[in-house]
């Protein structure tokens, strides 16, 4: 299997994702420049965190029109696995590959600290190696991480079990104190109905070794590996 990490002007977590996949998981991984429409025969695509195009206009709004996103869209629509992290999640929303939008954090301040998220579903490309209800300690670093959608979309997300992660307290209870940015329904990450595209605001690539304060992010990357193995077996 091979991973591709897309690099936009302003990406700053691309090397972190590359390190997590290549050095920690020991899987083949390649950078893909935003002007390319060649996904380098990748089996899974990562849209990393950062400030694509300086977050001018609106986070992810310019990156959505990068040539690579045409290829990513085709890849996703054909069943390819795509994960957007932080700015990458914002880009997936702007590109229409995931529903909803991002607003400024409720406190109108940049937040950079560890938070806790609860695994809500385990049949997605980023959670199949996790336990339902498992609490992960993973850092966030964003100003525009306040997920929002209309009531109809929220009902669809809940009905289709597309809410993958929710912000929570360390003990896993639903409390406003565990929601760092005001996200609707404490949503930290979602997937599409087909479950092959997912996005989350926390940074799993910054939580892959205990020296970083947590290695819980590896659950997400191991899930992607297992999802790819499962897909390969299904088509063998």
Protein backbone atom coordinates (compact mmCIF):
# COMPACT_ATOMS: atom_id res chain seq x y z
CA UNK A 1 0.00 0.00 0.00
CA UNK A 2 1.08 3.56 -0.61
CA UNK A 3 0.05 6.87 0.96
CA UNK A 4 0.11 10.26 -0.71
CA UNK A 5 0.42 13.48 1.30
CA UNK A 6 -0.76 16.55 -0.60
CA UNK A 7 1.32 19.70 -0.15
CA UNK A 8 -0.34 23.10 -0.57
CA UNK A 9 1.44 26.46 -0.27
CA UNK A 10 1.15 27.02 3.47
CA UNK A 11 0.91 23.38 4.54
CA UNK A 12 2.89 22.98 7.77
CA UNK A 13 1.96 19.48 8.96
CA UNK A 14 2.81 17.66 5.74
CA UNK A 15 6.15 16.45 7.08
CA UNK A 16 4.51 15.37 10.35
CA UNK A 17 2.05 13.19 8.43
CA UNK A 18 4.87 11.87 6.24
CA UNK A 19 6.89 10.99 9.36
CA UNK A 20 3.96 9.24 11.04
CA UNK A 21 3.31 7.08 8.00
CA UNK A 22 6.85 6.51 6.77
CA UNK A 23 8.95 6.45 9.93
CA UNK A 24 6.54 5.20 12.58
CA UNK A 25 4.23 2.93 10.57
CA UNK A 26 6.95 2.06 8.03
CA UNK A 27 4.62 2.41 5.05
CA UNK A 28 5.47 3.81 1.60
CA UNK A 29 4.50 7.48 1.38
CA UNK A 30 5.09 10.25 -1.15
CA UNK A 31 4.48 14.00 -1.24
CA UNK A 32 2.10 15.26 -3.93
CA UNK A 33 2.41 18.91 -4.99
CA UNK A 34 -0.85 20.85 -5.22
CA UNK A 35 -0.37 21.65 -8.91
CA UNK A 36 -0.22 17.98 -9.88
CA UNK A 37 -3.21 15.91 -10.93
CA UNK A 38 -1.16 12.72 -10.66
CA UNK A 39 -1.78 11.02 -7.32
CA UNK A 40 1.33 8.88 -7.79
CA UNK A 41 -0.57 5.57 -7.65
CA UNK A 42 -1.47 6.24 -4.03
CA UNK A 43 -3.94 3.97 -2.27
CA UNK A 44 -4.89 6.62 0.30
CA UNK A 45 -4.58 10.41 0.29
CA UNK A 46 -3.87 12.70 3.25
CA UNK A 47 -4.74 16.41 3.12
CA UNK A 48 -2.57 17.76 5.96
CA UNK A 49 -2.97 20.66 8.34
CA UNK A 50 -1.57 24.12 7.89
CA UNK A 51 -2.66 27.39 6.33
CA UNK A 52 -3.23 26.58 2.66
CA UNK A 53 -2.76 29.78 0.65
CA UNK A 54 -2.43 31.63 3.95
CA UNK A 55 -6.11 30.95 4.68
CA UNK A 56 -6.91 34.06 2.66
CA UNK A 57 -10.54 34.58 1.67
CA UNK A 58 -11.73 31.65 3.81
CA UNK A 59 -9.97 28.57 5.16
CA UNK A 60 -9.70 25.98 2.41
CA UNK A 61 -11.63 28.10 -0.11
CA UNK A 62 -8.66 28.71 -2.43
CA UNK A 63 -7.06 25.30 -1.95
CA UNK A 64 -10.33 23.75 -3.05
CA UNK A 65 -9.54 24.99 -6.58
CA UNK A 66 -5.99 23.58 -6.70
CA UNK A 67 -5.47 21.21 -9.65
CA UNK A 68 -4.78 18.32 -7.28
CA UNK A 69 -8.29 18.57 -5.85
CA UNK A 70 -9.80 17.56 -9.19
CA UNK A 71 -7.84 14.33 -8.94
CA UNK A 72 -8.67 13.92 -5.25
CA UNK A 73 -12.37 14.38 -6.02
CA UNK A 74 -12.30 11.72 -8.74
CA UNK A 75 -10.32 9.42 -6.47
CA UNK A 76 -12.81 9.85 -3.61
CA UNK A 77 -15.85 9.44 -5.83
CA UNK A 78 -14.42 6.16 -7.12
CA UNK A 79 -14.06 4.83 -3.59
CA UNK A 80 -10.51 5.94 -2.81
CA UNK A 81 -9.66 6.65 0.82
CA UNK A 82 -9.11 10.30 1.75
CA UNK A 83 -8.36 11.84 5.15
CA UNK A 84 -8.36 15.58 5.80
CA UNK A 85 -6.67 16.83 8.97
CA UNK A 86 -7.45 20.33 10.31
CA UNK A 87 -6.89 22.56 7.25
CA UNK A 88 -7.34 19.42 5.17
CA UNK A 89 -10.74 18.89 6.78
CA UNK A 90 -11.64 22.49 5.94
CA UNK A 91 -10.61 21.89 2.32
CA UNK A 92 -12.80 18.77 2.10
CA UNK A 93 -15.76 20.83 3.33
CA UNK A 94 -15.08 23.60 0.81
CA UNK A 95 -14.72 21.02 -1.97
CA UNK A 96 -18.09 19.46 -1.10
CA UNK A 97 -16.55 16.08 -0.36
CA UNK A 98 -17.90 16.36 3.19
CA UNK A 99 -20.99 18.28 4.38
CA UNK A 100 -20.99 21.36 6.63
CA UNK A 101 -18.70 24.34 7.14
CA UNK A 102 -16.23 25.84 9.60
CA UNK A 103 -16.61 29.07 11.53
CA UNK A 104 -14.28 30.91 13.91
CA UNK A 105 -13.78 29.30 17.29
CA UNK A 106 -16.48 30.40 19.70
CA UNK A 107 -13.90 32.28 21.77
CA UNK A 108 -12.49 33.95 18.62
CA UNK A 109 -8.98 32.85 19.56
CA UNK A 110 -6.43 30.45 18.15
CA UNK A 111 -6.31 27.31 20.31
CA UNK A 112 -3.29 25.01 20.50
CA UNK A 113 -3.48 22.31 23.17
CA UNK A 114 -4.36 18.68 23.77
CA UNK A 115 -8.05 17.82 23.78
CA UNK A 116 -10.02 14.61 24.18
CA UNK A 117 -12.19 13.09 21.48
CA UNK A 118 -14.51 10.08 21.71
CA UNK A 119 -14.76 7.47 18.97
CA UNK A 120 -18.43 7.34 17.96
CA UNK A 121 -18.26 4.85 15.07
CA UNK A 122 -15.80 2.07 14.33
CA UNK A 123 -16.68 1.16 10.74
CA UNK A 124 -14.80 4.00 9.03
CA UNK A 125 -11.38 4.27 7.43
CA UNK A 126 -10.04 6.11 10.49
CA UNK A 127 -11.62 4.17 13.36
CA UNK A 128 -11.75 0.47 12.49
CA UNK A 129 -8.76 -0.18 14.80
CA UNK A 130 -10.47 1.67 17.67
CA UNK A 131 -13.12 0.71 20.19
CA UNK A 132 -16.47 2.45 20.22
CA UNK A 133 -16.41 4.97 23.02
CA UNK A 134 -12.60 4.97 23.16
CA UNK A 135 -11.17 8.32 24.33
CA UNK A 136 -8.19 9.68 22.40
CA UNK A 137 -5.91 12.46 23.60
CA UNK A 138 -4.90 14.46 20.53
CA UNK A 139 -3.82 18.10 20.08
CA UNK A 140 -5.69 20.80 18.19
CA UNK A 141 -4.23 23.95 16.60
CA UNK A 142 -6.79 26.14 14.85
CA UNK A 143 -8.75 29.37 14.78
CA UNK A 144 -11.56 28.15 12.51
CA UNK A 145 -12.54 24.79 13.95
CA UNK A 146 -16.13 25.51 14.93
CA UNK A 147 -18.00 22.94 12.83
CA UNK A 148 -21.52 23.94 11.79
CA UNK A 149 -24.28 22.67 9.55
CA UNK A 150 -28.02 23.15 9.18
CA UNK A 151 -30.49 21.04 11.14
CA UNK A 152 -31.33 18.82 8.16
CA UNK A 153 -27.65 18.00 7.61
CA UNK A 154 -27.12 17.30 11.29
CA UNK A 155 -30.03 14.87 11.33
CA UNK A 156 -28.60 13.13 8.26
CA UNK A 157 -25.17 12.90 9.88
CA UNK A 158 -26.70 11.33 12.96
CA UNK A 159 -29.03 9.01 11.02
CA UNK A 160 -26.25 7.78 8.74
CA UNK A 161 -23.74 7.47 11.61
CA UNK A 162 -21.36 9.92 9.95
CA UNK A 163 -20.25 11.64 13.14
CA UNK A 164 -16.97 9.83 13.77
CA UNK A 165 -15.44 11.82 16.65
CA UNK A 166 -16.89 14.12 19.30
CA UNK A 167 -15.05 16.41 21.67
CA UNK A 168 -15.44 15.20 25.23
CA UNK A 169 -13.99 15.37 28.72
CA UNK A 170 -11.16 13.04 29.77
CA UNK A 171 -13.68 10.63 31.26
CA UNK A 172 -15.83 10.65 28.12
CA UNK A 173 -18.84 12.58 29.37
CA UNK A 174 -20.82 15.04 27.25
CA UNK A 175 -20.03 18.40 28.76
CA UNK A 176 -19.55 21.85 27.25
CA UNK A 177 -16.22 22.01 29.07
CA UNK A 178 -14.92 19.34 26.71
CA UNK A 179 -15.83 21.30 23.56
CA UNK A 180 -12.90 23.68 22.90
CA UNK A 181 -14.26 25.62 19.92
CA UNK A 182 -18.07 25.54 20.13
CA UNK A 183 -18.53 22.94 17.40
CA UNK A 184 -22.13 21.97 16.80
CA UNK A 185 -23.03 18.78 18.68
CA UNK A 186 -19.37 18.70 19.82
CA UNK A 187 -18.39 17.35 16.39
CA UNK A 188 -14.64 16.85 15.99
CA UNK A 189 -14.71 14.68 12.86
CA UNK A 190 -17.09 13.24 10.29
CA UNK A 191 -17.11 10.94 7.27
CA UNK A 192 -19.12 10.77 4.08
CA UNK A 193 -22.04 8.37 3.63
CA UNK A 194 -19.82 5.92 1.75
CA UNK A 195 -17.33 6.02 4.67
CA UNK A 196 -14.23 6.36 2.48
CA UNK A 197 -13.68 10.10 3.09
CA UNK A 198 -13.14 11.49 6.57
CA UNK A 199 -12.03 14.72 8.19
CA UNK A 200 -11.17 15.80 11.71
CA UNK A 201 -9.84 18.97 13.29
CA UNK A 202 -7.44 17.41 15.86
CA UNK A 203 -3.95 16.48 14.65
CA UNK A 204 -3.28 12.72 14.96
CA UNK A 205 0.10 13.18 13.24
CA UNK A 206 1.20 15.20 16.28
CA UNK A 207 0.32 12.32 18.60
CA UNK A 208 2.21 9.32 17.26
CA UNK A 209 4.92 8.89 19.92
CA UNK A 210 4.76 9.09 23.70
CA UNK A 211 7.46 11.78 23.69
CA UNK A 212 4.88 14.07 22.05
CA UNK A 213 2.54 13.72 25.02
CA UNK A 214 0.34 11.08 23.43
CA UNK A 215 0.55 8.27 20.89
CA UNK A 216 -3.23 8.00 20.49
CA UNK A 217 -3.08 9.39 16.96
CA UNK A 218 -1.62 6.11 15.78
CA UNK A 219 -5.04 4.53 16.19
CA UNK A 220 -6.22 6.64 13.28
CA UNK A 221 -3.29 5.82 11.01
CA UNK A 222 -3.39 2.11 11.90
CA UNK A 223 -7.09 2.17 11.05
CA UNK A 224 -6.25 3.46 7.57
CA UNK A 225 -3.74 0.67 7.09
CA UNK A 226 -6.27 -1.94 8.18
CA UNK A 227 -8.93 -0.39 5.94
CA UNK A 228 -6.58 -0.67 2.97
CA UNK A 229 -5.76 -4.28 3.84
CA UNK A 230 -9.45 -5.07 4.11
CA UNK A 231 -10.18 -3.42 0.75
CA UNK A 232 -7.36 -5.40 -0.88
CA UNK A 233 -8.72 -8.68 0.50
CA UNK A 234 -12.22 -7.85 -0.69
CA UNK A 235 -11.02 -7.40 -4.25
CA UNK A 236 -8.56 -10.32 -4.28
